[in-house]
Amino acid sequence: MGAKQFLTYTGIIAAVLAWLFIAISISVNPWFIFTKNAFSDLGGPYATDPWIYNYGLIITSIFIDLYSINLLLVSRNKVEDFASAFVFIAGLFLALIGIYHEGTRPHVFVSTWFFTQMDIALITWGIGSLMAKDRRLGLFSLLLGIIAPLIALIVPWPSAATEEAYGIVVIDLWVALMTYFDIKHVIR
């Protein structure tokens, strides 16, 4: 497997790792209730083995940043280049969530900005794809980057974890579609 081929799959690897570390953290914290807690509670001072969640986020962030390099390699214009930079920054913010875990002052800021950076990345990639005359991917990315956060703001979520899970699924959906298009050579 070559470097480019490996980079193609790093977004999928990041998605799998994120859910894996969340699942492991929940399994060692039986008090966690999906409809009452935030995922960040799994890395906070009251969690059993919070290092699993926190280091898991840091490890996952490495694969997000590697995926941003893949996006740069397949980008078709400077706007898509710019979108890959937002994904890279989102990866850094994910690592910061693991460093500034629940109970630390910067936690809310870094966790909010992880999702914000990903939404900006989707919108920017959508604009870049439209500029590349890729209407299907452009509209999908643009609308997903606009509509998904609006839904997150409107829906009365029962807990932070349910809203976070929704945000993660939105990101995973975009990464899966982007990976599929990359494998099929639709983008390049």
N, C-alpha and C. Protein backbone atom coordinates (compact mmCIF):
# COMPACT_ATOMS: atom_id res chain seq x y z
N MET A 1 0.85 -1.18 0.00
CA MET A 1 0.00 0.00 0.00
C MET A 1 0.90 1.24 0.00
N GLY A 2 0.66 2.11 -0.95
CA GLY A 2 1.44 3.34 -1.04
C GLY A 2 0.94 4.39 -0.07
N ALA A 3 1.71 5.47 0.04
CA ALA A 3 1.37 6.55 0.97
C ALA A 3 0.03 7.19 0.61
N LYS A 4 -0.21 7.44 -0.67
CA LYS A 4 -1.47 8.07 -1.08
C LYS A 4 -2.64 7.16 -0.78
N GLN A 5 -2.48 5.87 -1.06
CA GLN A 5 -3.55 4.92 -0.79
C GLN A 5 -3.86 4.87 0.72
N PHE A 6 -2.82 4.89 1.55
CA PHE A 6 -3.03 4.92 3.00
C PHE A 6 -3.78 6.19 3.40
N LEU A 7 -3.34 7.35 2.88
CA LEU A 7 -3.98 8.62 3.22
C LEU A 7 -5.46 8.63 2.83
N THR A 8 -5.80 7.96 1.74
CA THR A 8 -7.19 7.90 1.29
C THR A 8 -8.10 7.38 2.39
N TYR A 9 -7.61 6.42 3.16
CA TYR A 9 -8.44 5.75 4.16
C TYR A 9 -8.31 6.33 5.57
N THR A 10 -7.50 7.35 5.76
CA THR A 10 -7.29 7.87 7.11
C THR A 10 -8.53 8.54 7.70
N GLY A 11 -9.40 9.07 6.86
CA GLY A 11 -10.66 9.63 7.38
C GLY A 11 -11.56 8.54 7.94
N ILE A 12 -11.63 7.42 7.24
CA ILE A 12 -12.42 6.28 7.71
C ILE A 12 -11.79 5.71 8.99
N ILE A 13 -10.46 5.62 9.01
CA ILE A 13 -9.77 5.14 10.21
C ILE A 13 -10.10 6.05 11.39
N ALA A 14 -10.08 7.37 11.17
CA ALA A 14 -10.41 8.32 12.24
C ALA A 14 -11.82 8.10 12.76
N ALA A 15 -12.77 7.89 11.85
CA ALA A 15 -14.16 7.67 12.26
C ALA A 15 -14.29 6.40 13.11
N VAL A 16 -13.66 5.33 12.66
CA VAL A 16 -13.71 4.07 13.40
C VAL A 16 -13.05 4.23 14.77
N LEU A 17 -11.89 4.87 14.81
CA LEU A 17 -11.20 5.07 16.08
C LEU A 17 -12.03 5.91 17.06
N ALA A 18 -12.66 6.96 16.56
CA ALA A 18 -13.47 7.81 17.44
C ALA A 18 -14.55 6.99 18.13
N TRP A 19 -15.30 6.22 17.33
CA TRP A 19 -16.37 5.42 17.92
C TRP A 19 -15.83 4.31 18.81
N LEU A 20 -14.69 3.74 18.44
CA LEU A 20 -14.07 2.69 19.25
C LEU A 20 -13.67 3.23 20.62
N PHE A 21 -13.00 4.37 20.65
CA PHE A 21 -12.59 4.95 21.94
C PHE A 21 -13.79 5.39 22.77
N ILE A 22 -14.83 5.89 22.12
CA ILE A 22 -16.06 6.25 22.84
C ILE A 22 -16.67 4.99 23.45
N ALA A 23 -16.76 3.92 22.67
CA ALA A 23 -17.36 2.67 23.16
C ALA A 23 -16.56 2.08 24.31
N ILE A 24 -15.24 2.07 24.19
CA ILE A 24 -14.41 1.54 25.27
C ILE A 24 -14.58 2.39 26.53
N SER A 25 -14.60 3.70 26.35
CA SER A 25 -14.76 4.60 27.51
C SER A 25 -16.10 4.39 28.19
N ILE A 26 -17.15 4.21 27.39
CA ILE A 26 -18.47 3.95 27.98
C ILE A 26 -18.46 2.62 28.73
N SER A 27 -17.77 1.62 28.18
CA SER A 27 -17.76 0.30 28.83
C SER A 27 -17.07 0.32 30.18
N VAL A 28 -16.10 1.21 30.39
CA VAL A 28 -15.43 1.28 31.70
C VAL A 28 -16.06 2.33 32.62
N ASN A 29 -17.10 2.99 32.11
CA ASN A 29 -17.83 3.98 32.90
C ASN A 29 -19.33 3.66 32.84
N PRO A 30 -19.77 2.64 33.58
CA PRO A 30 -21.17 2.20 33.48
C PRO A 30 -22.18 3.25 33.95
N TRP A 31 -21.73 4.29 34.62
CA TRP A 31 -22.62 5.37 35.05
C TRP A 31 -23.02 6.27 33.88
N PHE A 32 -22.29 6.18 32.76
CA PHE A 32 -22.55 7.05 31.60
C PHE A 32 -23.90 6.70 31.00
N ILE A 33 -24.74 7.72 30.81
CA ILE A 33 -26.05 7.55 30.19
C ILE A 33 -26.07 8.45 28.96
N PHE A 34 -26.24 7.84 27.79
CA PHE A 34 -26.19 8.54 26.51
C PHE A 34 -27.15 9.72 26.45
N THR A 35 -28.32 9.56 27.05
CA THR A 35 -29.34 10.61 26.98
C THR A 35 -29.24 11.63 28.13
N LYS A 36 -28.18 11.52 28.95
CA LYS A 36 -28.03 12.47 30.05
C LYS A 36 -26.66 13.13 30.11
N ASN A 37 -25.65 12.46 29.60
CA ASN A 37 -24.28 12.95 29.73
C ASN A 37 -23.76 13.56 28.43
N ALA A 38 -22.54 14.06 28.52
CA ALA A 38 -21.77 14.49 27.35
C ALA A 38 -20.65 13.48 27.16
N PHE A 39 -20.23 13.25 25.92
CA PHE A 39 -19.10 12.34 25.71
C PHE A 39 -17.88 12.81 26.49
N SER A 40 -17.72 14.12 26.61
CA SER A 40 -16.56 14.65 27.33
C SER A 40 -16.52 14.24 28.79
N ASP A 41 -17.67 13.87 29.36
CA ASP A 41 -17.68 13.38 30.74
C ASP A 41 -16.80 12.14 30.88
N LEU A 42 -16.63 11.41 29.77
CA LEU A 42 -15.80 10.20 29.78
C LEU A 42 -14.32 10.51 29.95
N GLY A 43 -13.94 11.77 29.71
CA GLY A 43 -12.54 12.18 29.88
C GLY A 43 -12.34 13.13 31.03
N GLY A 44 -13.39 13.35 31.80
CA GLY A 44 -13.33 14.30 32.91
C GLY A 44 -12.80 13.70 34.19
N PRO A 45 -12.72 14.52 35.22
CA PRO A 45 -12.11 14.08 36.49
C PRO A 45 -12.90 13.00 37.23
N TYR A 46 -14.17 12.81 36.91
CA TYR A 46 -14.97 11.81 37.62
C TYR A 46 -15.04 10.49 36.86
N ALA A 47 -14.41 10.43 35.71
CA ALA A 47 -14.45 9.22 34.88
C ALA A 47 -13.43 8.19 35.38
N THR A 48 -13.76 6.93 35.17
CA THR A 48 -12.80 5.85 35.39
C THR A 48 -11.92 5.80 34.15
N ASP A 49 -10.62 5.82 34.35
CA ASP A 49 -9.66 5.78 33.24
C ASP A 49 -9.96 6.83 32.16
N PRO A 50 -10.00 8.10 32.53
CA PRO A 50 -10.29 9.15 31.54
C PRO A 50 -9.25 9.23 30.43
N TRP A 51 -8.07 8.67 30.69
CA TRP A 51 -7.01 8.69 29.68
C TRP A 51 -7.43 7.95 28.41
N ILE A 52 -8.31 6.95 28.53
CA ILE A 52 -8.76 6.22 27.34
C ILE A 52 -9.44 7.18 26.38
N TYR A 53 -10.37 7.95 26.89
CA TYR A 53 -11.11 8.91 26.05
C TYR A 53 -10.18 10.02 25.57
N ASN A 54 -9.42 10.60 26.48
CA ASN A 54 -8.58 11.75 26.12
C ASN A 54 -7.47 11.38 25.13
N TYR A 55 -6.75 10.30 25.40
CA TYR A 55 -5.71 9.86 24.46
C TYR A 55 -6.35 9.36 23.16
N GLY A 56 -7.54 8.79 23.28
CA GLY A 56 -8.26 8.35 22.08
C GLY A 56 -8.55 9.51 21.15
N LEU A 57 -8.94 10.65 21.72
CA LEU A 57 -9.18 11.84 20.90
C LEU A 57 -7.89 12.32 20.24
N ILE A 58 -6.81 12.28 20.99
CA ILE A 58 -5.53 12.73 20.44
C ILE A 58 -5.08 11.81 19.31
N ILE A 59 -5.21 10.51 19.50
CA ILE A 59 -4.84 9.55 18.45
C ILE A 59 -5.73 9.75 17.22
N THR A 60 -7.03 9.90 17.45
CA THR A 60 -7.97 10.13 16.34
C THR A 60 -7.62 11.41 15.59
N SER A 61 -7.19 12.43 16.32
CA SER A 61 -6.85 13.71 15.69
C SER A 61 -5.70 13.57 14.70
N ILE A 62 -4.78 12.67 14.99
CA ILE A 62 -3.66 12.44 14.07
C ILE A 62 -4.18 11.94 12.73
N PHE A 63 -5.15 11.05 12.76
CA PHE A 63 -5.71 10.52 11.51
C PHE A 63 -6.56 11.56 10.79
N ILE A 64 -7.22 12.44 11.53
CA ILE A 64 -7.94 13.54 10.89
C ILE A 64 -6.95 14.45 10.17
N ASP A 65 -5.84 14.76 10.81
CA ASP A 65 -4.84 15.62 10.17
C ASP A 65 -4.21 14.93 8.96
N LEU A 66 -3.97 13.63 9.04
CA LEU A 66 -3.49 12.90 7.87
C LEU A 66 -4.53 12.94 6.75
N TYR A 67 -5.81 12.83 7.12
CA TYR A 67 -6.87 12.90 6.12
C TYR A 67 -6.91 14.28 5.45
N SER A 68 -6.62 15.31 6.21
CA SER A 68 -6.60 16.65 5.61
C SER A 68 -5.51 16.74 4.53
N ILE A 69 -4.41 16.02 4.73
CA ILE A 69 -3.36 15.98 3.71
C ILE A 69 -3.89 15.27 2.47
N ASN A 70 -4.64 14.20 2.66
CA ASN A 70 -5.25 13.53 1.51
C ASN A 70 -6.18 14.48 0.76
N LEU A 71 -6.97 15.24 1.50
CA LEU A 71 -7.87 16.19 0.85
C LEU A 71 -7.08 17.22 0.04
N LEU A 72 -5.96 17.64 0.57
CA LEU A 72 -5.10 18.58 -0.16
C LEU A 72 -4.59 17.94 -1.46
N LEU A 73 -4.24 16.66 -1.38
CA LEU A 73 -3.73 15.97 -2.57
C LEU A 73 -4.79 15.80 -3.66
N VAL A 74 -6.05 15.65 -3.27
CA VAL A 74 -7.11 15.45 -4.26
C VAL A 74 -7.85 16.74 -4.61
N SER A 75 -7.51 17.84 -3.95
CA SER A 75 -8.22 19.10 -4.20
C SER A 75 -7.98 19.56 -5.63
N ARG A 76 -8.98 20.27 -6.14
CA ARG A 76 -8.95 20.69 -7.54
C ARG A 76 -8.75 22.18 -7.71
N ASN A 77 -8.73 22.92 -6.61
CA ASN A 77 -8.53 24.37 -6.71
C ASN A 77 -8.13 24.90 -5.32
N LYS A 78 -7.84 26.17 -5.26
CA LYS A 78 -7.35 26.77 -4.02
C LYS A 78 -8.43 26.79 -2.92
N VAL A 79 -9.68 26.84 -3.30
CA VAL A 79 -10.75 26.85 -2.30
C VAL A 79 -10.83 25.47 -1.62
N GLU A 80 -10.71 24.40 -2.39
CA GLU A 80 -10.66 23.08 -1.77
C GLU A 80 -9.38 22.90 -0.96
N ASP A 81 -8.27 23.50 -1.43
CA ASP A 81 -7.04 23.50 -0.62
C ASP A 81 -7.33 24.11 0.75
N PHE A 82 -8.02 25.24 0.72
CA PHE A 82 -8.36 25.97 1.93
C PHE A 82 -9.24 25.11 2.85
N ALA A 83 -10.18 24.38 2.25
CA ALA A 83 -11.06 23.50 3.03
C ALA A 83 -10.25 22.42 3.75
N SER A 84 -9.22 21.90 3.07
CA SER A 84 -8.39 20.87 3.72
C SER A 84 -7.68 21.45 4.93
N ALA A 85 -7.35 22.74 4.88
CA ALA A 85 -6.71 23.39 6.03
C ALA A 85 -7.68 23.47 7.22
N PHE A 86 -8.97 23.70 6.93
CA PHE A 86 -9.96 23.71 8.02
C PHE A 86 -10.08 22.33 8.66
N VAL A 87 -9.99 21.27 7.86
CA VAL A 87 -10.02 19.92 8.41
C VAL A 87 -8.80 19.70 9.30
N PHE A 88 -7.64 20.17 8.85
CA PHE A 88 -6.42 20.05 9.65
C PHE A 88 -6.59 20.76 10.99
N ILE A 89 -7.12 21.97 10.96
CA ILE A 89 -7.34 22.74 12.20
C ILE A 89 -8.35 22.03 13.10
N ALA A 90 -9.40 21.46 12.49
CA ALA A 90 -10.37 20.70 13.29
C ALA A 90 -9.68 19.54 14.00
N GLY A 91 -8.74 18.88 13.31
CA GLY A 91 -7.98 17.81 13.95
C GLY A 91 -7.20 18.31 15.15
N LEU A 92 -6.60 19.48 15.01
CA LEU A 92 -5.88 20.07 16.15
C LEU A 92 -6.81 20.35 17.31
N PHE A 93 -8.01 20.86 17.01
CA PHE A 93 -8.97 21.13 18.08
C PHE A 93 -9.45 19.83 18.74
N LEU A 94 -9.55 18.75 17.97
CA LEU A 94 -9.93 17.47 18.58
C LEU A 94 -8.86 17.04 19.59
N ALA A 95 -7.60 17.20 19.21
CA ALA A 95 -6.51 16.89 20.15
C ALA A 95 -6.62 17.77 21.40
N LEU A 96 -6.96 19.03 21.20
CA LEU A 96 -7.09 19.95 22.34
C LEU A 96 -8.23 19.54 23.27
N ILE A 97 -9.27 18.90 22.73
CA ILE A 97 -10.34 18.40 23.61
C ILE A 97 -9.77 17.34 24.55
N GLY A 98 -8.88 16.51 24.03
CA GLY A 98 -8.24 15.49 24.88
C GLY A 98 -7.28 16.09 25.89
N ILE A 99 -6.65 17.20 25.52
CA ILE A 99 -5.70 17.87 26.43
C ILE A 99 -6.45 18.71 27.46
N TYR A 100 -7.43 19.48 26.98
CA TYR A 100 -8.25 20.31 27.88
C TYR A 100 -9.58 19.59 28.09
N HIS A 101 -9.53 18.53 28.87
CA HIS A 101 -10.68 17.66 29.10
C HIS A 101 -11.75 18.36 29.91
N GLU A 102 -12.86 17.66 30.04
CA GLU A 102 -13.98 18.16 30.85
C GLU A 102 -13.46 18.60 32.22
N GLY A 103 -13.92 19.76 32.64
CA GLY A 103 -13.50 20.28 33.94
C GLY A 103 -12.38 21.31 33.84
N THR A 104 -11.80 21.48 32.66
CA THR A 104 -10.78 22.53 32.48
C THR A 104 -11.43 23.72 31.79
N ARG A 105 -10.85 24.86 31.99
CA ARG A 105 -11.46 26.10 31.51
C ARG A 105 -11.64 26.16 29.98
N PRO A 106 -10.64 25.77 29.18
CA PRO A 106 -10.82 25.90 27.73
C PRO A 106 -11.68 24.82 27.07
N HIS A 107 -12.17 23.86 27.85
CA HIS A 107 -12.83 22.70 27.26
C HIS A 107 -14.01 23.05 26.33
N VAL A 108 -14.91 23.87 26.81
CA VAL A 108 -16.11 24.18 26.00
C VAL A 108 -15.70 24.87 24.70
N PHE A 109 -14.74 25.77 24.79
CA PHE A 109 -14.27 26.47 23.58
C PHE A 109 -13.69 25.50 22.57
N VAL A 110 -12.77 24.63 22.99
CA VAL A 110 -12.10 23.75 22.03
C VAL A 110 -13.06 22.71 21.47
N SER A 111 -14.00 22.24 22.28
CA SER A 111 -14.94 21.25 21.76
C SER A 111 -15.92 21.88 20.77
N THR A 112 -16.36 23.09 21.05
CA THR A 112 -17.25 23.80 20.12
C THR A 112 -16.53 24.08 18.81
N TRP A 113 -15.28 24.50 18.91
CA TRP A 113 -14.54 24.86 17.70
C TRP A 113 -14.15 23.66 16.86
N PHE A 114 -14.07 22.47 17.43
CA PHE A 114 -13.85 21.29 16.60
C PHE A 114 -15.00 21.15 15.60
N PHE A 115 -16.22 21.16 16.10
CA PHE A 115 -17.39 21.01 15.22
C PHE A 115 -17.53 22.21 14.27
N THR A 116 -17.25 23.40 14.77
CA THR A 116 -17.34 24.60 13.93
C THR A 116 -16.35 24.53 12.77
N GLN A 117 -15.13 24.12 13.05
CA GLN A 117 -14.12 24.01 11.98
C GLN A 117 -14.54 22.98 10.94
N MET A 118 -15.12 21.88 11.37
CA MET A 118 -15.57 20.87 10.41
C MET A 118 -16.72 21.40 9.56
N ASP A 119 -17.65 22.14 10.16
CA ASP A 119 -18.74 22.74 9.38
C ASP A 119 -18.18 23.73 8.35
N ILE A 120 -17.21 24.53 8.76
CA ILE A 120 -16.59 25.48 7.83
C ILE A 120 -15.87 24.72 6.71
N ALA A 121 -15.24 23.60 7.05
CA ALA A 121 -14.56 22.79 6.03
C ALA A 121 -15.56 22.27 5.00
N LEU A 122 -16.70 21.77 5.45
CA LEU A 122 -17.71 21.26 4.53
C LEU A 122 -18.24 22.36 3.61
N ILE A 123 -18.52 23.52 4.18
CA ILE A 123 -19.01 24.64 3.38
C ILE A 123 -17.96 25.06 2.36
N THR A 124 -16.72 25.18 2.80
CA THR A 124 -15.64 25.60 1.91
C THR A 124 -15.40 24.57 0.82
N TRP A 125 -15.39 23.27 1.17
CA TRP A 125 -15.22 22.24 0.14
C TRP A 125 -16.38 22.30 -0.85
N GLY A 126 -17.57 22.54 -0.35
CA GLY A 126 -18.73 22.65 -1.23
C GLY A 126 -18.57 23.77 -2.24
N ILE A 127 -18.12 24.92 -1.78
CA ILE A 127 -17.89 26.05 -2.69
C ILE A 127 -16.81 25.70 -3.70
N GLY A 128 -15.72 25.10 -3.22
CA GLY A 128 -14.64 24.70 -4.12
C GLY A 128 -15.09 23.69 -5.15
N SER A 129 -15.92 22.74 -4.74
CA SER A 129 -16.42 21.73 -5.67
C SER A 129 -17.33 22.36 -6.71
N LEU A 130 -18.16 23.31 -6.30
CA LEU A 130 -18.99 24.02 -7.27
C LEU A 130 -18.13 24.78 -8.26
N MET A 131 -17.05 25.38 -7.78
CA MET A 131 -16.11 26.07 -8.68
C MET A 131 -15.44 25.09 -9.65
N ALA A 132 -15.27 23.83 -9.22
CA ALA A 132 -14.66 22.80 -10.07
C ALA A 132 -15.72 22.14 -10.97
N LYS A 133 -16.91 22.71 -10.97
CA LYS A 133 -18.03 22.21 -11.79
C LYS A 133 -18.52 20.83 -11.35
N ASP A 134 -18.29 20.50 -10.08
CA ASP A 134 -18.77 19.25 -9.51
C ASP A 134 -20.00 19.60 -8.68
N ARG A 135 -21.11 19.67 -9.37
CA ARG A 135 -22.34 20.15 -8.74
C ARG A 135 -22.85 19.20 -7.65
N ARG A 136 -22.76 17.90 -7.91
CA ARG A 136 -23.28 16.91 -6.98
C ARG A 136 -22.55 16.99 -5.63
N LEU A 137 -21.22 16.90 -5.63
CA LEU A 137 -20.45 16.97 -4.39
C LEU A 137 -20.50 18.37 -3.80
N GLY A 138 -20.49 19.37 -4.66
CA GLY A 138 -20.53 20.75 -4.18
C GLY A 138 -21.78 21.06 -3.39
N LEU A 139 -22.92 20.71 -3.97
CA LEU A 139 -24.19 20.99 -3.27
C LEU A 139 -24.33 20.13 -2.01
N PHE A 140 -23.91 18.87 -2.10
CA PHE A 140 -23.98 18.00 -0.92
C PHE A 140 -23.16 18.58 0.23
N SER A 141 -21.90 18.92 -0.05
CA SER A 141 -21.01 19.43 1.00
C SER A 141 -21.51 20.78 1.53
N LEU A 142 -21.89 21.65 0.63
CA LEU A 142 -22.35 22.98 1.03
C LEU A 142 -23.61 22.90 1.87
N LEU A 143 -24.59 22.15 1.40
CA LEU A 143 -25.85 22.05 2.15
C LEU A 143 -25.67 21.31 3.46
N LEU A 144 -24.84 20.25 3.46
CA LEU A 144 -24.59 19.54 4.71
C LEU A 144 -23.91 20.46 5.72
N GLY A 145 -22.97 21.28 5.27
CA GLY A 145 -22.26 22.20 6.16
C GLY A 145 -23.13 23.32 6.69
N ILE A 146 -24.23 23.62 5.99
CA ILE A 146 -25.14 24.68 6.43
C ILE A 146 -26.32 24.11 7.22
N ILE A 147 -26.94 23.07 6.67
CA ILE A 147 -28.17 22.54 7.27
C ILE A 147 -27.90 21.74 8.54
N ALA A 148 -26.83 20.93 8.56
CA ALA A 148 -26.55 20.10 9.74
C ALA A 148 -26.40 20.93 11.01
N PRO A 149 -25.62 22.04 10.99
CA PRO A 149 -25.54 22.83 12.24
C PRO A 149 -26.86 23.51 12.61
N LEU A 150 -27.66 23.87 11.60
CA LEU A 150 -28.97 24.47 11.91
C LEU A 150 -29.86 23.45 12.62
N ILE A 151 -29.83 22.21 12.14
CA ILE A 151 -30.59 21.15 12.81
C ILE A 151 -30.09 20.97 14.24
N ALA A 152 -28.76 21.01 14.40
CA ALA A 152 -28.18 20.85 15.75
C ALA A 152 -28.66 21.95 16.70
N LEU A 153 -28.85 23.13 16.16
CA LEU A 153 -29.31 24.26 16.99
C LEU A 153 -30.81 24.20 17.28
N ILE A 154 -31.58 23.66 16.36
CA ILE A 154 -33.04 23.66 16.48
C ILE A 154 -33.57 22.50 17.31
N VAL A 155 -33.01 21.32 17.13
CA VAL A 155 -33.53 20.12 17.81
C VAL A 155 -33.28 20.22 19.32
N PRO A 156 -34.29 19.93 20.11
CA PRO A 156 -34.09 19.89 21.57
C PRO A 156 -33.46 18.55 22.00
N TRP A 157 -32.16 18.47 21.91
CA TRP A 157 -31.44 17.23 22.21
C TRP A 157 -31.60 16.87 23.68
N PRO A 158 -31.77 15.59 23.99
CA PRO A 158 -31.91 15.20 25.40
C PRO A 158 -30.60 15.33 26.18
N SER A 159 -29.46 15.33 25.48
CA SER A 159 -28.17 15.45 26.16
C SER A 159 -27.13 15.98 25.19
N ALA A 160 -26.01 16.38 25.75
CA ALA A 160 -24.89 16.82 24.90
C ALA A 160 -24.38 15.65 24.07
N ALA A 161 -24.37 14.44 24.64
CA ALA A 161 -23.87 13.27 23.91
C ALA A 161 -24.71 12.98 22.67
N THR A 162 -26.03 13.15 22.75
CA THR A 162 -26.86 12.89 21.57
C THR A 162 -26.56 13.92 20.48
N GLU A 163 -26.38 15.15 20.87
CA GLU A 163 -26.04 16.19 19.89
C GLU A 163 -24.63 15.96 19.32
N GLU A 164 -23.70 15.57 20.17
CA GLU A 164 -22.35 15.28 19.71
C GLU A 164 -22.34 14.08 18.76
N ALA A 165 -23.13 13.06 19.09
CA ALA A 165 -23.22 11.88 18.21
C ALA A 165 -23.76 12.28 16.84
N TYR A 166 -24.76 13.14 16.84
CA TYR A 166 -25.30 13.65 15.57
C TYR A 166 -24.20 14.35 14.77
N GLY A 167 -23.45 15.22 15.42
CA GLY A 167 -22.36 15.94 14.74
C GLY A 167 -21.30 14.99 14.20
N ILE A 168 -20.97 13.97 14.97
CA ILE A 168 -19.97 12.98 14.53
C ILE A 168 -20.50 12.20 13.33
N VAL A 169 -21.77 11.82 13.36
CA VAL A 169 -22.36 11.08 12.24
C VAL A 169 -22.35 11.95 10.97
N VAL A 170 -22.63 13.23 11.09
CA VAL A 170 -22.59 14.14 9.94
C VAL A 170 -21.18 14.16 9.35
N ILE A 171 -20.18 14.29 10.20
CA ILE A 171 -18.79 14.29 9.74
C ILE A 171 -18.45 12.96 9.08
N ASP A 172 -18.86 11.86 9.72
CA ASP A 172 -18.58 10.52 9.19
C ASP A 172 -19.23 10.33 7.82
N LEU A 173 -20.44 10.83 7.65
CA LEU A 173 -21.15 10.74 6.37
C LEU A 173 -20.36 11.45 5.28
N TRP A 174 -19.89 12.66 5.56
CA TRP A 174 -19.12 13.43 4.59
C TRP A 174 -17.81 12.72 4.26
N VAL A 175 -17.11 12.25 5.28
CA VAL A 175 -15.84 11.56 5.06
C VAL A 175 -16.06 10.29 4.24
N ALA A 176 -17.11 9.55 4.54
CA ALA A 176 -17.40 8.32 3.78
C ALA A 176 -17.66 8.63 2.31
N LEU A 177 -18.45 9.66 2.05
CA LEU A 177 -18.73 10.03 0.66
C LEU A 177 -17.47 10.53 -0.04
N MET A 178 -16.69 11.35 0.65
CA MET A 178 -15.44 11.85 0.07
C MET A 178 -14.48 10.70 -0.22
N THR A 179 -14.40 9.73 0.67
CA THR A 179 -13.51 8.58 0.47
C THR A 179 -13.99 7.76 -0.71
N TYR A 180 -15.30 7.55 -0.80
CA TYR A 180 -15.86 6.81 -1.93
C TYR A 180 -15.51 7.50 -3.25
N PHE A 181 -15.73 8.81 -3.31
CA PHE A 181 -15.42 9.56 -4.54
C PHE A 181 -13.93 9.54 -4.85
N ASP A 182 -13.11 9.56 -3.81
CA ASP A 182 -11.66 9.49 -4.01
C ASP A 182 -11.28 8.13 -4.61
N ILE A 183 -11.82 7.07 -4.05
CA ILE A 183 -11.52 5.72 -4.55
C ILE A 183 -12.00 5.56 -5.99
N LYS A 184 -13.14 6.12 -6.30
CA LYS A 184 -13.70 6.02 -7.66
C LYS A 184 -13.11 7.07 -8.61
N HIS A 185 -12.17 7.86 -8.10
CA HIS A 185 -11.48 8.90 -8.89
C HIS A 185 -12.44 9.96 -9.43
N VAL A 186 -13.52 10.21 -8.70
CA VAL A 186 -14.46 11.26 -9.09
C VAL A 186 -13.85 12.62 -8.77
N ILE A 187 -13.13 12.70 -7.66
CA ILE A 187 -12.41 13.94 -7.33
C ILE A 187 -10.94 13.73 -7.63
N ARG A 188 -10.31 14.66 -8.21
CA ARG A 188 -8.87 14.69 -8.52
C ARG A 188 -8.65 15.64 -9.65
